[in-house]
N, C-alpha and C. Protein backbone atom coordinates (compact mmCIF):
# COMPACT_ATOMS: atom_id res chain seq x y z
N MET A 1 41.49 39.45 41.38
CA MET A 1 42.52 39.22 40.38
C MET A 1 42.81 37.74 40.29
N GLY A 2 42.78 37.17 39.10
CA GLY A 2 43.08 35.76 38.90
C GLY A 2 44.56 35.53 38.72
N GLY A 3 44.95 34.29 38.57
CA GLY A 3 46.35 33.95 38.34
C GLY A 3 46.82 34.42 36.98
N VAL A 4 48.08 34.24 36.74
CA VAL A 4 48.65 34.66 35.46
C VAL A 4 48.36 33.58 34.44
N GLU A 5 47.50 33.89 33.48
CA GLU A 5 47.15 32.93 32.45
C GLU A 5 47.83 33.34 31.16
N VAL A 6 48.97 32.74 30.91
CA VAL A 6 49.75 33.09 29.74
C VAL A 6 49.35 32.21 28.56
N SER A 7 48.58 31.17 28.83
CA SER A 7 48.24 30.20 27.79
C SER A 7 47.23 30.75 26.78
N GLY A 8 46.42 31.71 27.19
CA GLY A 8 45.44 32.28 26.28
C GLY A 8 44.19 31.43 26.12
N GLY A 9 44.13 30.27 26.76
CA GLY A 9 42.98 29.39 26.65
C GLY A 9 41.95 29.69 27.72
N VAL A 10 40.81 29.03 27.64
CA VAL A 10 39.78 29.19 28.66
C VAL A 10 40.05 28.15 29.73
N GLU A 11 40.25 28.61 30.93
CA GLU A 11 40.56 27.72 32.04
C GLU A 11 39.53 27.91 33.15
N ALA A 12 39.45 26.92 34.02
CA ALA A 12 38.62 27.05 35.20
C ALA A 12 39.25 28.10 36.11
N PRO A 13 38.48 28.68 37.02
CA PRO A 13 39.06 29.66 37.94
C PRO A 13 40.26 29.06 38.66
N HIS A 14 41.27 29.89 38.88
CA HIS A 14 42.48 29.41 39.52
C HIS A 14 42.97 30.48 40.49
N PRO A 15 43.83 30.08 41.42
CA PRO A 15 44.30 31.04 42.43
C PRO A 15 45.06 32.20 41.81
N ALA A 16 45.12 33.30 42.53
CA ALA A 16 45.80 34.50 42.06
C ALA A 16 47.29 34.28 41.90
N ASN A 17 47.83 33.27 42.55
CA ASN A 17 49.28 33.03 42.49
C ASN A 17 49.62 31.86 41.57
N ALA A 18 48.77 31.57 40.59
CA ALA A 18 48.99 30.43 39.69
C ALA A 18 49.48 30.89 38.32
N VAL A 19 50.40 30.11 37.76
CA VAL A 19 50.86 30.30 36.38
C VAL A 19 50.45 29.05 35.62
N LEU A 20 49.62 29.22 34.59
CA LEU A 20 49.15 28.10 33.79
C LEU A 20 50.01 27.98 32.54
N ILE A 21 50.66 26.87 32.38
CA ILE A 21 51.57 26.68 31.25
C ILE A 21 50.78 26.25 30.03
N GLY A 22 51.06 26.90 28.90
CA GLY A 22 50.35 26.61 27.66
C GLY A 22 51.28 26.55 26.48
N LYS A 23 50.87 27.19 25.39
CA LYS A 23 51.57 27.06 24.11
C LYS A 23 52.67 28.09 23.88
N LYS A 24 52.79 29.08 24.73
CA LYS A 24 53.76 30.15 24.49
C LYS A 24 55.18 29.72 24.86
N ASP A 25 56.13 30.58 24.55
CA ASP A 25 57.54 30.32 24.83
C ASP A 25 57.80 30.25 26.34
N VAL A 26 58.76 29.45 26.72
CA VAL A 26 59.10 29.25 28.14
C VAL A 26 59.40 30.59 28.82
N ASN A 27 60.05 31.50 28.14
CA ASN A 27 60.42 32.78 28.76
C ASN A 27 59.21 33.58 29.23
N ASN A 28 58.07 33.42 28.59
CA ASN A 28 56.84 34.08 29.05
C ASN A 28 56.47 33.61 30.45
N TYR A 29 56.63 32.32 30.69
CA TYR A 29 56.28 31.75 31.99
C TYR A 29 57.33 32.10 33.05
N VAL A 30 58.60 32.17 32.63
CA VAL A 30 59.67 32.60 33.54
C VAL A 30 59.34 34.00 34.06
N LEU A 31 58.99 34.91 33.16
CA LEU A 31 58.66 36.28 33.56
C LEU A 31 57.40 36.33 34.43
N ALA A 32 56.43 35.48 34.14
CA ALA A 32 55.20 35.45 34.94
C ALA A 32 55.50 35.01 36.38
N ILE A 33 56.34 34.02 36.54
CA ILE A 33 56.73 33.54 37.88
C ILE A 33 57.45 34.65 38.64
N ILE A 34 58.42 35.26 38.00
CA ILE A 34 59.18 36.33 38.64
C ILE A 34 58.26 37.49 39.02
N ARG A 35 57.33 37.85 38.12
CA ARG A 35 56.41 38.95 38.38
C ARG A 35 55.54 38.69 39.61
N LEU A 36 55.02 37.47 39.74
CA LEU A 36 54.18 37.16 40.90
C LEU A 36 54.97 37.30 42.20
N PHE A 37 56.20 36.81 42.22
CA PHE A 37 57.02 36.97 43.43
C PHE A 37 57.33 38.43 43.69
N SER A 38 57.62 39.20 42.65
CA SER A 38 57.94 40.62 42.85
C SER A 38 56.74 41.41 43.31
N GLU A 39 55.54 40.91 43.03
CA GLU A 39 54.31 41.56 43.49
C GLU A 39 53.93 41.13 44.91
N GLY A 40 54.77 40.30 45.53
CA GLY A 40 54.56 39.95 46.92
C GLY A 40 53.99 38.57 47.20
N ALA A 41 53.81 37.74 46.19
CA ALA A 41 53.30 36.39 46.43
C ALA A 41 54.30 35.60 47.28
N GLU A 42 53.79 34.91 48.30
CA GLU A 42 54.66 34.08 49.13
C GLU A 42 54.91 32.74 48.47
N GLU A 43 53.94 32.27 47.71
CA GLU A 43 54.06 31.02 46.95
C GLU A 43 53.54 31.26 45.54
N VAL A 44 54.10 30.53 44.60
CA VAL A 44 53.60 30.55 43.23
C VAL A 44 53.36 29.10 42.81
N ILE A 45 52.21 28.84 42.23
CA ILE A 45 51.86 27.49 41.78
C ILE A 45 51.95 27.47 40.25
N VAL A 46 52.78 26.56 39.73
CA VAL A 46 52.93 26.40 38.29
C VAL A 46 52.15 25.14 37.90
N LYS A 47 51.17 25.29 37.01
CA LYS A 47 50.31 24.17 36.62
C LYS A 47 50.49 23.86 35.15
N ALA A 48 50.55 22.56 34.83
CA ALA A 48 50.68 22.15 33.43
C ALA A 48 50.00 20.80 33.25
N ARG A 49 49.62 20.54 31.99
CA ARG A 49 49.03 19.25 31.62
C ARG A 49 49.69 18.74 30.36
N GLY A 50 49.73 17.42 30.23
CA GLY A 50 50.18 16.78 29.00
C GLY A 50 51.58 17.18 28.57
N LYS A 51 51.70 17.55 27.30
CA LYS A 51 52.99 17.89 26.72
C LYS A 51 53.62 19.13 27.33
N ASN A 52 52.84 19.93 28.02
CA ASN A 52 53.36 21.16 28.60
C ASN A 52 54.06 20.96 29.95
N ILE A 53 54.04 19.75 30.47
CA ILE A 53 54.70 19.49 31.75
C ILE A 53 56.20 19.77 31.67
N CYS A 54 56.85 19.37 30.58
CA CYS A 54 58.29 19.61 30.46
C CYS A 54 58.58 21.11 30.38
N LYS A 55 57.67 21.88 29.79
CA LYS A 55 57.84 23.33 29.71
C LYS A 55 57.73 23.96 31.11
N ALA A 56 56.86 23.41 31.94
CA ALA A 56 56.73 23.90 33.32
C ALA A 56 58.02 23.68 34.09
N VAL A 57 58.58 22.48 33.95
CA VAL A 57 59.84 22.16 34.64
C VAL A 57 60.95 23.08 34.13
N ASP A 58 61.02 23.29 32.83
CA ASP A 58 62.03 24.19 32.26
C ASP A 58 61.90 25.60 32.82
N ALA A 59 60.68 26.12 32.90
CA ALA A 59 60.47 27.47 33.41
C ALA A 59 60.92 27.59 34.86
N VAL A 60 60.54 26.62 35.68
CA VAL A 60 60.92 26.64 37.10
C VAL A 60 62.43 26.59 37.25
N GLU A 61 63.07 25.70 36.51
CA GLU A 61 64.53 25.57 36.61
C GLU A 61 65.25 26.82 36.13
N ARG A 62 64.75 27.46 35.09
CA ARG A 62 65.37 28.72 34.62
C ARG A 62 65.27 29.79 35.70
N VAL A 63 64.12 29.90 36.32
CA VAL A 63 63.95 30.91 37.38
C VAL A 63 64.92 30.60 38.52
N ARG A 64 64.98 29.34 38.94
CA ARG A 64 65.86 28.96 40.06
C ARG A 64 67.33 29.19 39.75
N ARG A 65 67.76 28.85 38.57
CA ARG A 65 69.19 28.91 38.24
C ARG A 65 69.66 30.30 37.81
N MET A 66 68.79 31.07 37.18
CA MET A 66 69.24 32.32 36.57
C MET A 66 68.79 33.58 37.31
N TYR A 67 67.66 33.54 38.00
CA TYR A 67 67.10 34.78 38.53
C TYR A 67 66.87 34.79 40.04
N MET A 68 66.43 33.68 40.60
CA MET A 68 66.06 33.65 42.01
C MET A 68 66.73 32.46 42.68
N LYS A 69 67.95 32.67 43.11
CA LYS A 69 68.74 31.58 43.71
C LYS A 69 68.13 31.08 45.02
N ASP A 70 67.30 31.90 45.67
CA ASP A 70 66.69 31.50 46.94
C ASP A 70 65.36 30.78 46.76
N LEU A 71 64.99 30.46 45.55
CA LEU A 71 63.72 29.79 45.26
C LEU A 71 63.82 28.31 45.59
N ILE A 72 62.80 27.80 46.26
CA ILE A 72 62.75 26.37 46.58
C ILE A 72 61.46 25.78 46.01
N VAL A 73 61.53 24.49 45.70
CA VAL A 73 60.35 23.74 45.30
C VAL A 73 59.74 23.19 46.58
N LYS A 74 58.63 23.74 46.97
CA LYS A 74 57.99 23.38 48.23
C LYS A 74 57.20 22.07 48.12
N ASP A 75 56.59 21.87 46.94
CA ASP A 75 55.77 20.67 46.75
C ASP A 75 55.59 20.42 45.26
N VAL A 76 55.44 19.15 44.91
CA VAL A 76 55.12 18.75 43.54
C VAL A 76 53.96 17.76 43.62
N LYS A 77 52.93 18.03 42.86
CA LYS A 77 51.77 17.14 42.82
C LYS A 77 51.61 16.64 41.39
N ILE A 78 51.45 15.34 41.24
CA ILE A 78 51.22 14.77 39.93
C ILE A 78 49.93 13.97 39.94
N GLY A 79 49.33 13.85 38.78
CA GLY A 79 48.09 13.10 38.68
C GLY A 79 47.57 13.11 37.26
N SER A 80 46.31 12.77 37.13
CA SER A 80 45.64 12.78 35.84
C SER A 80 44.35 13.56 35.95
N GLU A 81 43.99 14.19 34.84
CA GLU A 81 42.72 14.91 34.77
C GLU A 81 41.94 14.39 33.57
N GLU A 82 40.65 14.27 33.74
CA GLU A 82 39.80 13.84 32.64
C GLU A 82 39.40 15.06 31.83
N VAL A 83 39.70 15.03 30.54
CA VAL A 83 39.33 16.14 29.65
C VAL A 83 38.53 15.59 28.49
N GLU A 84 37.73 16.46 27.91
CA GLU A 84 36.93 16.07 26.76
C GLU A 84 37.59 16.61 25.50
N ASP A 85 37.84 15.75 24.52
CA ASP A 85 38.47 16.21 23.28
C ASP A 85 37.42 16.83 22.36
N GLU A 86 37.86 17.28 21.20
CA GLU A 86 36.96 17.97 20.27
C GLU A 86 35.81 17.08 19.80
N GLY A 87 36.02 15.78 19.78
CA GLY A 87 34.98 14.85 19.36
C GLY A 87 34.02 14.48 20.47
N GLY A 88 34.23 15.04 21.66
CA GLY A 88 33.34 14.75 22.78
C GLY A 88 33.75 13.53 23.60
N ARG A 89 34.87 12.91 23.23
CA ARG A 89 35.34 11.74 23.98
C ARG A 89 36.14 12.19 25.19
N LYS A 90 35.99 11.46 26.28
CA LYS A 90 36.74 11.76 27.49
C LYS A 90 38.03 10.95 27.49
N ARG A 91 39.12 11.62 27.92
CA ARG A 91 40.39 10.93 28.03
C ARG A 91 41.16 11.48 29.21
N LEU A 92 42.11 10.70 29.71
CA LEU A 92 42.95 11.12 30.83
C LEU A 92 44.20 11.80 30.30
N VAL A 93 44.56 12.90 30.94
CA VAL A 93 45.76 13.65 30.59
C VAL A 93 46.58 13.82 31.86
N SER A 94 47.88 13.60 31.77
CA SER A 94 48.77 13.81 32.92
C SER A 94 48.75 15.27 33.33
N ALA A 95 48.85 15.52 34.63
CA ALA A 95 48.85 16.89 35.14
C ALA A 95 49.91 17.02 36.23
N MET A 96 50.47 18.23 36.35
CA MET A 96 51.48 18.48 37.37
C MET A 96 51.29 19.88 37.93
N GLU A 97 51.50 19.99 39.23
CA GLU A 97 51.49 21.26 39.95
C GLU A 97 52.79 21.37 40.70
N ILE A 98 53.51 22.48 40.51
CA ILE A 98 54.76 22.72 41.22
C ILE A 98 54.54 23.95 42.10
N VAL A 99 54.73 23.80 43.41
CA VAL A 99 54.55 24.90 44.34
C VAL A 99 55.93 25.46 44.68
N LEU A 100 56.10 26.75 44.41
CA LEU A 100 57.38 27.42 44.63
C LEU A 100 57.27 28.42 45.78
N ALA A 101 58.37 28.58 46.50
CA ALA A 101 58.44 29.57 47.58
C ALA A 101 59.88 30.03 47.69
N ARG A 102 60.06 31.14 48.36
CA ARG A 102 61.41 31.62 48.62
C ARG A 102 61.91 30.97 49.91
N ALA A 103 63.18 30.59 49.91
CA ALA A 103 63.78 30.00 51.11
C ALA A 103 63.81 31.08 52.20
N PRO A 104 63.55 30.68 53.45
CA PRO A 104 63.62 31.68 54.54
C PRO A 104 65.04 32.22 54.67
N SER A 105 65.12 33.50 55.00
CA SER A 105 66.43 34.11 55.24
C SER A 105 67.05 33.49 56.47
N GLU A 106 68.36 33.59 56.59
CA GLU A 106 69.03 32.98 57.75
C GLU A 106 68.58 33.60 59.04
N GLY A 107 68.14 34.83 59.02
CA GLY A 107 67.66 35.49 60.23
C GLY A 107 66.26 35.05 60.63
N GLU A 108 65.54 34.41 59.69
CA GLU A 108 64.17 33.96 59.94
C GLU A 108 64.19 32.54 60.46
N GLY A 109 63.11 32.14 61.09
CA GLY A 109 62.94 30.95 61.69
C GLY A 109 62.95 29.62 61.47
């Protein structure tokens, strides 16, 4: 089983616990994040490029504030990826990965 690909585009293989941010409404990604955690994922990775980075941040913040108060941002990775545009030219696009996890319960270690 691959990650949740809500973008509808063709992507490289990605982990089963990944949400790829694309052109759809933010609420689609909010539900995808919640679904992965409810299915038992210990971590969820939210990936976005270019203009979709702000949508990724919005989705994560909505989940944290409205649905999963125990959610923590475990790691954030930023960088650039080289992509080929429709004309065959290569260009750099900003990329971001947000790693989410649930905070340990007070009884846990």
